[in-house]
Full PDB file with SEQRES, HELIX, SHEET, SSBOND, CRYST1, ORIGX, SCALE, CONECT and MASTER records, all heavy atoms in Angstrom:
SEQRES   1 A   39  PRO THR LYS THR LEU ALA LYS ILE ALA SER LYS LEU CYS          
SEQRES   2 A   39  LYS GLN TYR PRO LYS LEU ASP GLY CYS CYS CYS MET TYR          
SEQRES   3 A   39  ARG GLN GLY ASP ILE GLU LYS VAL LEU ARG GLY PHE PRO          
HELIX    1 AA1 LYS A    3  GLN A   15  1                                  13    
HELIX    2 AA2 PRO A   17  LEU A   19  5                                   3    
HELIX    3 AA3 GLN A   28  ARG A   36  1                                   9    
CRYST1    1.000    1.000    1.000  90.00  90.00  90.00 P 1           1          
ORIGX1      1.000000  0.000000  0.000000        0.00000                         
ORIGX2      0.000000  1.000000  0.000000        0.00000                         
ORIGX3      0.000000  0.000000  1.000000        0.00000                         
SCALE1      1.000000  0.000000  0.000000        0.00000                         
SCALE2      0.000000  1.000000  0.000000        0.00000                         
SCALE3      0.000000  0.000000  1.000000        0.00000                         
ATOM      1  N   PRO A   1      88.917 129.100 110.745  1.00  0.00           N  
ATOM      2  CA  PRO A   1      88.489 128.324 109.570  1.00  0.00           C  
ATOM      3  C   PRO A   1      89.057 128.808 108.245  1.00  0.00           C  
ATOM      4  O   PRO A   1      89.040 128.051 107.267  1.00  0.00           O  
ATOM      5  CB  PRO A   1      86.960 128.481 109.586  1.00  0.00           C  
ATOM      6  CG  PRO A   1      86.623 128.801 111.005  1.00  0.00           C  
ATOM      7  CD  PRO A   1      87.762 129.611 111.510  1.00  0.00           C  
ATOM      8  N   THR A   2      89.531 130.066 108.142  1.00  0.00           N  
ATOM      9  CA  THR A   2      90.076 130.581 106.889  1.00  0.00           C  
ATOM     10  C   THR A   2      91.364 131.350 107.175  1.00  0.00           C  
ATOM     11  O   THR A   2      91.650 131.731 108.320  1.00  0.00           O  
ATOM     12  CB  THR A   2      89.085 131.536 106.185  1.00  0.00           C  
ATOM     13  OG1 THR A   2      88.960 132.738 106.966  1.00  0.00           O  
ATOM     14  CG2 THR A   2      87.718 130.887 106.017  1.00  0.00           C  
ATOM     15  N   LYS A   3      92.124 131.608 106.110  1.00  0.00           N  
ATOM     16  CA  LYS A   3      93.376 132.346 106.265  1.00  0.00           C  
ATOM     17  C   LYS A   3      93.123 133.774 106.734  1.00  0.00           C  
ATOM     18  O   LYS A   3      93.867 134.313 107.561  1.00  0.00           O  
ATOM     19  CB  LYS A   3      94.158 132.344 104.944  1.00  0.00           C  
ATOM     20  CG  LYS A   3      94.695 130.983 104.555  1.00  0.00           C  
ATOM     21  CD  LYS A   3      95.291 130.974 103.148  1.00  0.00           C  
ATOM     22  CE  LYS A   3      96.679 131.551 103.108  1.00  0.00           C  
ATOM     23  NZ  LYS A   3      97.312 131.363 101.777  1.00  0.00           N  
ATOM     24  N   THR A   4      92.073 134.413 106.219  1.00  0.00           N  
ATOM     25  CA  THR A   4      91.775 135.781 106.617  1.00  0.00           C  
ATOM     26  C   THR A   4      91.407 135.855 108.088  1.00  0.00           C  
ATOM     27  O   THR A   4      91.868 136.751 108.820  1.00  0.00           O  
ATOM     28  CB  THR A   4      90.626 136.349 105.753  1.00  0.00           C  
ATOM     29  OG1 THR A   4      91.000 136.263 104.370  1.00  0.00           O  
ATOM     30  CG2 THR A   4      90.341 137.796 106.107  1.00  0.00           C  
ATOM     31  N   LEU A   5      90.596 134.924 108.565  1.00  0.00           N  
ATOM     32  CA  LEU A   5      90.242 134.896 109.978  1.00  0.00           C  
ATOM     33  C   LEU A   5      91.445 134.521 110.840  1.00  0.00           C  
ATOM     34  O   LEU A   5      91.585 135.015 111.967  1.00  0.00           O  
ATOM     35  CB  LEU A   5      89.094 133.912 110.209  1.00  0.00           C  
ATOM     36  CG  LEU A   5      87.720 134.347 109.680  1.00  0.00           C  
ATOM     37  CD1 LEU A   5      86.709 133.213 109.822  1.00  0.00           C  
ATOM     38  CD2 LEU A   5      87.223 135.594 110.414  1.00  0.00           C  
ATOM     39  N   ALA A   6      92.329 133.660 110.325  1.00  0.00           N  
ATOM     40  CA  ALA A   6      93.535 133.304 111.076  1.00  0.00           C  
ATOM     41  C   ALA A   6      94.432 134.522 111.270  1.00  0.00           C  
ATOM     42  O   ALA A   6      95.063 134.692 112.318  1.00  0.00           O  
ATOM     43  CB  ALA A   6      94.291 132.190 110.360  1.00  0.00           C  
ATOM     44  N   LYS A   7      94.500 135.393 110.256  1.00  0.00           N  
ATOM     45  CA  LYS A   7      95.255 136.640 110.370  1.00  0.00           C  
ATOM     46  C   LYS A   7      94.702 137.497 111.511  1.00  0.00           C  
ATOM     47  O   LYS A   7      95.453 138.068 112.315  1.00  0.00           O  
ATOM     48  CB  LYS A   7      95.171 137.419 109.059  1.00  0.00           C  
ATOM     49  CG  LYS A   7      96.285 137.157 108.075  1.00  0.00           C  
ATOM     50  CD  LYS A   7      97.465 138.070 108.367  1.00  0.00           C  
ATOM     51  CE  LYS A   7      98.395 138.200 107.208  1.00  0.00           C  
ATOM     52  NZ  LYS A   7      99.537 139.093 107.490  1.00  0.00           N  
ATOM     53  N   ILE A   8      93.386 137.595 111.575  1.00  0.00           N  
ATOM     54  CA  ILE A   8      92.748 138.381 112.630  1.00  0.00           C  
ATOM     55  C   ILE A   8      93.020 137.754 113.993  1.00  0.00           C  
ATOM     56  O   ILE A   8      93.332 138.448 114.971  1.00  0.00           O  
ATOM     57  CB  ILE A   8      91.237 138.500 112.359  1.00  0.00           C  
ATOM     58  CG1 ILE A   8      90.990 139.337 111.098  1.00  0.00           C  
ATOM     59  CG2 ILE A   8      90.511 139.100 113.560  1.00  0.00           C  
ATOM     60  CD1 ILE A   8      89.536 139.402 110.662  1.00  0.00           C  
ATOM     61  N   ALA A   9      92.932 136.437 114.066  1.00  0.00           N  
ATOM     62  CA  ALA A   9      93.186 135.747 115.340  1.00  0.00           C  
ATOM     63  C   ALA A   9      94.626 135.958 115.804  1.00  0.00           C  
ATOM     64  O   ALA A   9      94.892 136.097 117.003  1.00  0.00           O  
ATOM     65  CB  ALA A   9      92.884 134.253 115.186  1.00  0.00           C  
ATOM     66  N   SER A  10      95.563 135.998 114.867  1.00  0.00           N  
ATOM     67  CA  SER A  10      96.959 136.232 115.224  1.00  0.00           C  
ATOM     68  C   SER A  10      97.146 137.628 115.819  1.00  0.00           C  
ATOM     69  O   SER A  10      97.899 137.816 116.783  1.00  0.00           O  
ATOM     70  CB  SER A  10      97.853 136.053 113.994  1.00  0.00           C  
ATOM     71  OG  SER A  10      99.204 136.299 114.305  1.00  0.00           O  
ATOM     72  N   LYS A  11      96.459 138.618 115.246  1.00  0.00           N  
ATOM     73  CA  LYS A  11      96.531 139.980 115.799  1.00  0.00           C  
ATOM     74  C   LYS A  11      95.968 140.016 117.213  1.00  0.00           C  
ATOM     75  O   LYS A  11      96.511 140.688 118.099  1.00  0.00           O  
ATOM     76  CB  LYS A  11      95.772 140.950 114.891  1.00  0.00           C  
ATOM     77  CG  LYS A  11      96.468 141.270 113.576  1.00  0.00           C  
ATOM     78  CD  LYS A  11      95.642 142.239 112.745  1.00  0.00           C  
ATOM     79  CE  LYS A  11      96.340 142.583 111.431  1.00  0.00           C  
ATOM     80  NZ  LYS A  11      97.525 143.434 111.643  1.00  0.00           N  
ATOM     81  N   LEU A  12      94.876 139.290 117.443  1.00  0.00           N  
ATOM     82  CA  LEU A  12      94.313 139.227 118.790  1.00  0.00           C  
ATOM     83  C   LEU A  12      95.293 138.601 119.769  1.00  0.00           C  
ATOM     84  O   LEU A  12      95.411 139.028 120.921  1.00  0.00           O  
ATOM     85  CB  LEU A  12      93.021 138.410 118.783  1.00  0.00           C  
ATOM     86  CG  LEU A  12      91.757 139.076 118.249  1.00  0.00           C  
ATOM     87  CD1 LEU A  12      90.582 138.110 118.376  1.00  0.00           C  
ATOM     88  CD2 LEU A  12      91.455 140.356 118.999  1.00  0.00           C  
ATOM     89  N   CYS A  13      95.993 137.580 119.294  1.00  0.00           N  
ATOM     90  CA  CYS A  13      96.962 136.891 120.147  1.00  0.00           C  
ATOM     91  C   CYS A  13      98.048 137.840 120.624  1.00  0.00           C  
ATOM     92  O   CYS A  13      98.506 137.752 121.767  1.00  0.00           O  
ATOM     93  CB  CYS A  13      97.563 135.716 119.381  1.00  0.00           C  
ATOM     94  SG  CYS A  13      98.562 134.616 120.388  1.00  0.00           S  
ATOM     95  N   LYS A  14      98.472 138.763 119.754  1.00  0.00           N  
ATOM     96  CA  LYS A  14      99.481 139.750 120.155  1.00  0.00           C  
ATOM     97  C   LYS A  14      98.947 140.692 121.231  1.00  0.00           C  
ATOM     98  O   LYS A  14      99.679 141.135 122.105  1.00  0.00           O  
ATOM     99  CB  LYS A  14      99.929 140.565 118.935  1.00  0.00           C  
ATOM    100  CG  LYS A  14     100.762 139.809 117.915  1.00  0.00           C  
ATOM    101  CD  LYS A  14     101.121 140.731 116.757  1.00  0.00           C  
ATOM    102  CE  LYS A  14     101.883 139.976 115.681  1.00  0.00           C  
ATOM    103  NZ  LYS A  14     103.235 139.592 116.120  1.00  0.00           N  
ATOM    104  N   GLN A  15      97.655 141.001 121.166  1.00  0.00           N  
ATOM    105  CA  GLN A  15      97.065 141.963 122.089  1.00  0.00           C  
ATOM    106  C   GLN A  15      96.824 141.381 123.474  1.00  0.00           C  
ATOM    107  O   GLN A  15      96.768 142.121 124.454  1.00  0.00           O  
ATOM    108  CB  GLN A  15      95.744 142.495 121.517  1.00  0.00           C  
ATOM    109  CG  GLN A  15      95.900 143.272 120.220  1.00  0.00           C  
ATOM    110  CD  GLN A  15      94.552 143.642 119.624  1.00  0.00           C  
ATOM    111  OE1 GLN A  15      93.516 143.576 120.285  1.00  0.00           O  
ATOM    112  NE2 GLN A  15      94.554 144.028 118.346  1.00  0.00           N  
ATOM    113  N   TYR A  16      96.657 140.063 123.552  1.00  0.00           N  
ATOM    114  CA  TYR A  16      96.290 139.438 124.825  1.00  0.00           C  
ATOM    115  C   TYR A  16      97.307 138.351 125.191  1.00  0.00           C  
ATOM    116  O   TYR A  16      97.167 137.193 124.796  1.00  0.00           O  
ATOM    117  CB  TYR A  16      94.893 138.836 124.730  1.00  0.00           C  
ATOM    118  CG  TYR A  16      93.818 139.862 124.430  1.00  0.00           C  
ATOM    119  CD1 TYR A  16      93.302 140.005 123.140  1.00  0.00           C  
ATOM    120  CD2 TYR A  16      93.350 140.711 125.428  1.00  0.00           C  
ATOM    121  CE1 TYR A  16      92.335 140.952 122.857  1.00  0.00           C  
ATOM    122  CE2 TYR A  16      92.377 141.667 125.155  1.00  0.00           C  
ATOM    123  CZ  TYR A  16      91.880 141.782 123.873  1.00  0.00           C  
ATOM    124  OH  TYR A  16      90.917 142.731 123.589  1.00  0.00           O  
ATOM    125  N   PRO A  17      98.332 138.722 125.979  1.00  0.00           N  
ATOM    126  CA  PRO A  17      99.368 137.743 126.357  1.00  0.00           C  
ATOM    127  C   PRO A  17      98.819 136.532 127.107  1.00  0.00           C  
ATOM    128  O   PRO A  17      99.430 135.457 127.077  1.00  0.00           O  
ATOM    129  CB  PRO A  17     100.292 138.572 127.264  1.00  0.00           C  
ATOM    130  CG  PRO A  17     100.049 140.003 126.874  1.00  0.00           C  
ATOM    131  CD  PRO A  17      98.617 140.074 126.484  1.00  0.00           C  
ATOM    132  N   LYS A  18      97.661 136.676 127.764  1.00  0.00           N  
ATOM    133  CA  LYS A  18      97.100 135.556 128.514  1.00  0.00           C  
ATOM    134  C   LYS A  18      96.723 134.382 127.607  1.00  0.00           C  
ATOM    135  O   LYS A  18      96.516 133.261 128.093  1.00  0.00           O  
ATOM    136  CB  LYS A  18      95.869 136.015 129.295  1.00  0.00           C  
ATOM    137  CG  LYS A  18      96.182 136.926 130.478  1.00  0.00           C  
ATOM    138  CD  LYS A  18      94.920 137.273 131.252  1.00  0.00           C  
ATOM    139  CE  LYS A  18      95.245 138.160 132.451  1.00  0.00           C  
ATOM    140  NZ  LYS A  18      94.029 138.516 133.237  1.00  0.00           N  
ATOM    141  N   LEU A  19      96.632 134.638 126.309  1.00  0.00           N  
ATOM    142  CA  LEU A  19      96.311 133.554 125.381  1.00  0.00           C  
ATOM    143  C   LEU A  19      97.469 132.568 125.230  1.00  0.00           C  
ATOM    144  O   LEU A  19      97.323 131.529 124.585  1.00  0.00           O  
ATOM    145  CB  LEU A  19      95.931 134.129 124.016  1.00  0.00           C  
ATOM    146  CG  LEU A  19      94.599 134.890 123.968  1.00  0.00           C  
ATOM    147  CD1 LEU A  19      94.406 135.571 122.619  1.00  0.00           C  
ATOM    148  CD2 LEU A  19      93.437 133.942 124.241  1.00  0.00           C  
ATOM    149  N   ASP A  20      98.631 132.923 125.764  1.00  0.00           N  
ATOM    150  CA  ASP A  20      99.786 132.005 125.802  1.00  0.00           C  
ATOM    151  C   ASP A  20     100.241 131.574 124.412  1.00  0.00           C  
ATOM    152  O   ASP A  20     100.538 130.411 124.160  1.00  0.00           O  
ATOM    153  CB  ASP A  20      99.449 130.777 126.648  1.00  0.00           C  
ATOM    154  CG  ASP A  20     100.681 129.950 127.013  1.00  0.00           C  
ATOM    155  OD1 ASP A  20     101.798 130.515 127.001  1.00  0.00           O  
ATOM    156  OD2 ASP A  20     100.521 128.743 127.290  1.00  0.00           O  
ATOM    157  N   GLY A  21     100.267 132.528 123.483  1.00  0.00           N  
ATOM    158  CA  GLY A  21     100.857 132.261 122.177  1.00  0.00           C  
ATOM    159  C   GLY A  21      99.918 131.745 121.117  1.00  0.00           C  
ATOM    160  O   GLY A  21     100.323 131.589 119.960  1.00  0.00           O  
ATOM    161  N   CYS A  22      98.642 131.467 121.456  1.00  0.00           N  
ATOM    162  CA  CYS A  22      97.726 130.930 120.443  1.00  0.00           C  
ATOM    163  C   CYS A  22      96.307 131.400 120.704  1.00  0.00           C  
ATOM    164  O   CYS A  22      95.801 131.290 121.831  1.00  0.00           O  
ATOM    165  CB  CYS A  22      97.769 129.403 120.427  1.00  0.00           C  
ATOM    166  SG  CYS A  22      96.610 128.659 119.248  1.00  0.00           S  
ATOM    167  N   CYS A  23      95.659 131.890 119.661  1.00  0.00           N  
ATOM    168  CA  CYS A  23      94.242 132.252 119.702  1.00  0.00           C  
ATOM    169  C   CYS A  23      93.517 131.387 118.683  1.00  0.00           C  
ATOM    170  O   CYS A  23      93.716 131.538 117.479  1.00  0.00           O  
ATOM    171  CB  CYS A  23      94.047 133.736 119.383  1.00  0.00           C  
ATOM    172  SG  CYS A  23      92.314 134.239 119.251  1.00  0.00           S  
ATOM    173  N   CYS A  24      92.707 130.460 119.184  1.00  0.00           N  
ATOM    174  CA  CYS A  24      91.952 129.558 118.308  1.00  0.00           C  
ATOM    175  C   CYS A  24      90.506 130.061 118.252  1.00  0.00           C  
ATOM    176  O   CYS A  24      89.789 130.048 119.257  1.00  0.00           O  
ATOM    177  CB  CYS A  24      92.014 128.125 118.832  1.00  0.00           C  
ATOM    178  SG  CYS A  24      91.317 126.902 117.694  1.00  0.00           S  
ATOM    179  N   MET A  25      90.108 130.497 117.081  1.00  0.00           N  
ATOM    180  CA  MET A  25      88.823 131.177 116.908  1.00  0.00           C  
ATOM    181  C   MET A  25      87.960 130.341 115.960  1.00  0.00           C  
ATOM    182  O   MET A  25      88.229 130.277 114.757  1.00  0.00           O  
ATOM    183  CB  MET A  25      89.094 132.573 116.322  1.00  0.00           C  
ATOM    184  CG  MET A  25      87.968 133.553 116.414  1.00  0.00           C  
ATOM    185  SD  MET A  25      88.528 135.251 116.015  1.00  0.00           S  
ATOM    186  CE  MET A  25      88.911 135.092 114.268  1.00  0.00           C  
ATOM    187  N   TYR A  26      86.909 129.696 116.520  1.00  0.00           N  
ATOM    188  CA  TYR A  26      86.116 128.810 115.668  1.00  0.00           C  
ATOM    189  C   TYR A  26      84.615 128.910 115.925  1.00  0.00           C  
ATOM    190  O   TYR A  26      83.819 128.593 115.046  1.00  0.00           O  
ATOM    191  CB  TYR A  26      86.572 127.356 115.845  1.00  0.00           C  
ATOM    192  CG  TYR A  26      86.447 126.831 117.260  1.00  0.00           C  
ATOM    193  CD1 TYR A  26      85.314 126.155 117.682  1.00  0.00           C  
ATOM    194  CD2 TYR A  26      87.484 127.011 118.172  1.00  0.00           C  
ATOM    195  CE1 TYR A  26      85.201 125.674 118.968  1.00  0.00           C  
ATOM    196  CE2 TYR A  26      87.382 126.531 119.473  1.00  0.00           C  
ATOM    197  CZ  TYR A  26      86.243 125.869 119.867  1.00  0.00           C  
ATOM    198  OH  TYR A  26      86.139 125.404 121.151  1.00  0.00           O  
ATOM    199  N   ARG A  27      84.187 129.328 117.111  1.00  0.00           N  
ATOM    200  CA  ARG A  27      82.753 129.471 117.368  1.00  0.00           C  
ATOM    201  C   ARG A  27      82.224 130.696 116.637  1.00  0.00           C  
ATOM    202  O   ARG A  27      82.801 131.772 116.712  1.00  0.00           O  
ATOM    203  CB  ARG A  27      82.476 129.602 118.864  1.00  0.00           C  
ATOM    204  CG  ARG A  27      82.879 128.392 119.697  1.00  0.00           C  
ATOM    205  CD  ARG A  27      82.418 128.568 121.132  1.00  0.00           C  
ATOM    206  NE  ARG A  27      82.863 127.483 121.983  1.00  0.00           N  
ATOM    207  CZ  ARG A  27      84.005 127.477 122.649  1.00  0.00           C  
ATOM    208  NH1 ARG A  27      84.824 128.530 122.567  1.00  0.00           N  
ATOM    209  NH2 ARG A  27      84.353 126.456 123.404  1.00  0.00           N  
ATOM    210  N   GLN A  28      81.073 130.559 115.972  1.00  0.00           N  
ATOM    211  CA  GLN A  28      80.537 131.653 115.179  1.00  0.00           C  
ATOM    212  C   GLN A  28      80.246 132.880 116.033  1.00  0.00           C  
ATOM    213  O   GLN A  28      80.476 134.016 115.626  1.00  0.00           O  
ATOM    214  CB  GLN A  28      79.261 131.207 114.450  1.00  0.00           C  
ATOM    215  CG  GLN A  28      78.729 132.232 113.446  1.00  0.00           C  
ATOM    216  CD  GLN A  28      79.761 132.645 112.412  1.00  0.00           C  
ATOM    217  OE1 GLN A  28      80.461 131.793 111.855  1.00  0.00           O  
ATOM    218  NE2 GLN A  28      79.887 133.937 112.155  1.00  0.00           N  
ATOM    219  N   GLY A  29      79.749 132.652 117.241  1.00  0.00           N  
ATOM    220  CA  GLY A  29      79.472 133.777 118.127  1.00  0.00           C  
ATOM    221  C   GLY A  29      80.728 134.539 118.499  1.00  0.00           C  
ATOM    222  O   GLY A  29      80.728 135.784 118.548  1.00  0.00           O  
ATOM    223  N   ASP A  30      81.817 133.824 118.769  1.00  0.00           N  
ATOM    224  CA  ASP A  30      83.086 134.470 119.097  1.00  0.00           C  
ATOM    225  C   ASP A  30      83.631 135.232 117.894  1.00  0.00           C  
ATOM    226  O   ASP A  30      84.162 136.343 118.040  1.00  0.00           O  
ATOM    227  CB  ASP A  30      84.106 133.430 119.562  1.00  0.00           C  
ATOM    228  CG  ASP A  30      83.707 132.784 120.891  1.00  0.00           C  
ATOM    229  OD1 ASP A  30      82.909 133.400 121.619  1.00  0.00           O  
ATOM    230  OD2 ASP A  30      84.194 131.674 121.178  1.00  0.00           O  
ATOM    231  N   ILE A  31      83.528 134.629 116.713  1.00  0.00           N  
ATOM    232  CA  ILE A  31      84.025 135.284 115.502  1.00  0.00           C  
ATOM    233  C   ILE A  31      83.265 136.589 115.258  1.00  0.00           C  
ATOM    234  O   ILE A  31      83.856 137.633 114.973  1.00  0.00           O  
ATOM    235  CB  ILE A  31      83.903 134.339 114.291  1.00  0.00           C  
ATOM    236  CG1 ILE A  31      84.875 133.160 114.442  1.00  0.00           C  
ATOM    237  CG2 ILE A  31      84.171 135.097 112.991  1.00  0.00           C  
ATOM    238  CD1 ILE A  31      84.733 132.106 113.361  1.00  0.00           C  
ATOM    239  N   GLU A  32      81.931 136.534 115.413  1.00  0.00           N  
ATOM    240  CA  GLU A  32      81.138 137.753 115.212  1.00  0.00           C  
ATOM    241  C   GLU A  32      81.545 138.838 116.203  1.00  0.00           C  
ATOM    242  O   GLU A  32      81.678 140.014 115.825  1.00  0.00           O  
ATOM    243  CB  GLU A  32      79.647 137.446 115.367  1.00  0.00           C  
ATOM    244  CG  GLU A  32      78.771 138.677 115.219  1.00  0.00           C  
ATOM    245  CD  GLU A  32      77.287 138.372 115.357  1.00  0.00           C  
ATOM    246  OE1 GLU A  32      76.883 137.225 115.066  1.00  0.00           O  
ATOM    247  OE2 GLU A  32      76.535 139.280 115.766  1.00  0.00           O  
ATOM    248  N   LYS A  33      81.755 138.475 117.454  1.00  0.00           N  
ATOM    249  CA  LYS A  33      82.153 139.457 118.468  1.00  0.00           C  
ATOM    250  C   LYS A  33      83.481 140.113 118.102  1.00  0.00           C  
ATOM    251  O   LYS A  33      83.647 141.331 118.232  1.00  0.00           O  
ATOM    252  CB  LYS A  33      82.263 138.768 119.827  1.00  0.00           C  
ATOM    253  CG  LYS A  33      82.619 139.704 120.963  1.00  0.00           C  
ATOM    254  CD  LYS A  33      82.673 138.949 122.293  1.00  0.00           C  
ATOM    255  CE  LYS A  33      83.069 139.883 123.431  1.00  0.00           C  
ATOM    256  NZ  LYS A  33      83.132 139.148 124.726  1.00  0.00           N  
ATOM    257  N   VAL A  34      84.412 139.313 117.617  1.00  0.00           N  
ATOM    258  CA  VAL A  34      85.718 139.851 117.225  1.00  0.00           C  
ATOM    259  C   VAL A  34      85.580 140.780 116.022  1.00  0.00           C  
ATOM    260  O   VAL A  34      86.133 141.880 115.986  1.00  0.00           O  
ATOM    261  CB  VAL A  34      86.700 138.702 116.918  1.00  0.00           C  
ATOM    262  CG1 VAL A  34      87.967 139.237 116.246  1.00  0.00           C  
ATOM    263  CG2 VAL A  34      87.057 137.958 118.199  1.00  0.00           C  
ATOM    264  N   LEU A  35      84.821 140.345 115.020  1.00  0.00           N  
ATOM    265  CA  LEU A  35      84.672 141.142 113.804  1.00  0.00           C  
ATOM    266  C   LEU A  35      83.991 142.481 114.084  1.00  0.00           C  
ATOM    267  O   LEU A  35      84.278 143.477 113.423  1.00  0.00           O  
ATOM    268  CB  LEU A  35      83.883 140.365 112.751  1.00  0.00           C  
ATOM    269  CG  LEU A  35      84.518 139.078 112.208  1.00  0.00           C  
ATOM    270  CD1 LEU A  35      83.660 138.496 111.089  1.00  0.00           C  
ATOM    271  CD2 LEU A  35      85.931 139.318 111.719  1.00  0.00           C  
ATOM    272  N   ARG A  36      83.108 142.522 115.057  1.00  0.00           N  
ATOM    273  CA  ARG A  36      82.416 143.772 115.378  1.00  0.00           C  
ATOM    274  C   ARG A  36      83.375 144.839 115.907  1.00  0.00           C  
ATOM    275  O   ARG A  36      83.085 146.034 115.809  1.00  0.00           O  
ATOM    276  CB  ARG A  36      81.306 143.516 116.399  1.00  0.00           C  
ATOM    277  CG  ARG A  36      80.087 142.834 115.816  1.00  0.00           C  
ATOM    278  CD  ARG A  36      78.983 142.684 116.848  1.00  0.00           C  
ATOM    279  NE  ARG A  36      77.801 142.038 116.308  1.00  0.00           N  
ATOM    280  CZ  ARG A  36      76.829 142.657 115.632  1.00  0.00           C  
ATOM    281  NH1 ARG A  36      76.912 143.969 115.436  1.00  0.00           N  
ATOM    282  NH2 ARG A  36      75.796 141.995 115.177  1.00  0.00           N  
ATOM    283  N   GLY A  37      84.517 144.418 116.451  1.00  0.00           N  
ATOM    284  CA  GLY A  37      85.470 145.385 116.980  1.00  0.00           C  
ATOM    285  C   GLY A  37      86.744 145.515 116.169  1.00  0.00           C  
ATOM    286  O   GLY A  37      87.662 146.236 116.565  1.00  0.00           O  
ATOM    287  N   PHE A  38      86.791 144.832 115.018  1.00  0.00           N  
ATOM    288  CA  PHE A  38      88.023 144.811 114.229  1.00  0.00           C  
ATOM    289  C   PHE A  38      87.926 145.839 113.098  1.00  0.00           C  
ATOM    290  O   PHE A  38      87.019 145.773 112.267  1.00  0.00           O  
ATOM    291  CB  PHE A  38      88.256 143.415 113.647  1.00  0.00           C  
ATOM    292  CG  PHE A  38      89.654 143.187 113.160  1.00  0.00           C  
ATOM    293  CD1 PHE A  38      90.663 142.853 114.047  1.00  0.00           C  
ATOM    294  CD2 PHE A  38      89.969 143.322 111.813  1.00  0.00           C  
ATOM    295  CE1 PHE A  38      91.964 142.636 113.611  1.00  0.00           C  
ATOM    296  CE2 PHE A  38      91.256 143.120 111.364  1.00  0.00           C  
ATOM    297  CZ  PHE A  38      92.269 142.776 112.268  1.00  0.00           C  
ATOM    298  N   PRO A  39      88.873 146.810 113.031  1.00  0.00           N  
ATOM    299  CA  PRO A  39      88.789 147.868 112.004  1.00  0.00           C  
ATOM    300  C   PRO A  39      88.849 147.304 110.597  1.00  0.00           C  
ATOM    301  O   PRO A  39      89.632 146.408 110.295  1.00  0.00           O  
ATOM    302  CB  PRO A  39      90.020 148.739 112.307  1.00  0.00           C  
ATOM    303  CG  PRO A  39      90.382 148.431 113.727  1.00  0.00           C  
ATOM    304  CD  PRO A  39      90.012 146.994 113.935  1.00  0.00           C  
TER     305      PRO A  39                                                      
MASTER        0    0    0    3    0    0    0    6  304    1    0    3          
END                                                                             
């Protein structure tokens, strides 16, 4: 939903090749889970 979150999603995409080049992050629960582990 925002540029800052898109930056984080792009970093996740690099870490997980199974995402096949795109990480779409929009559910609030998923975003919270990601943010809890993001430095």
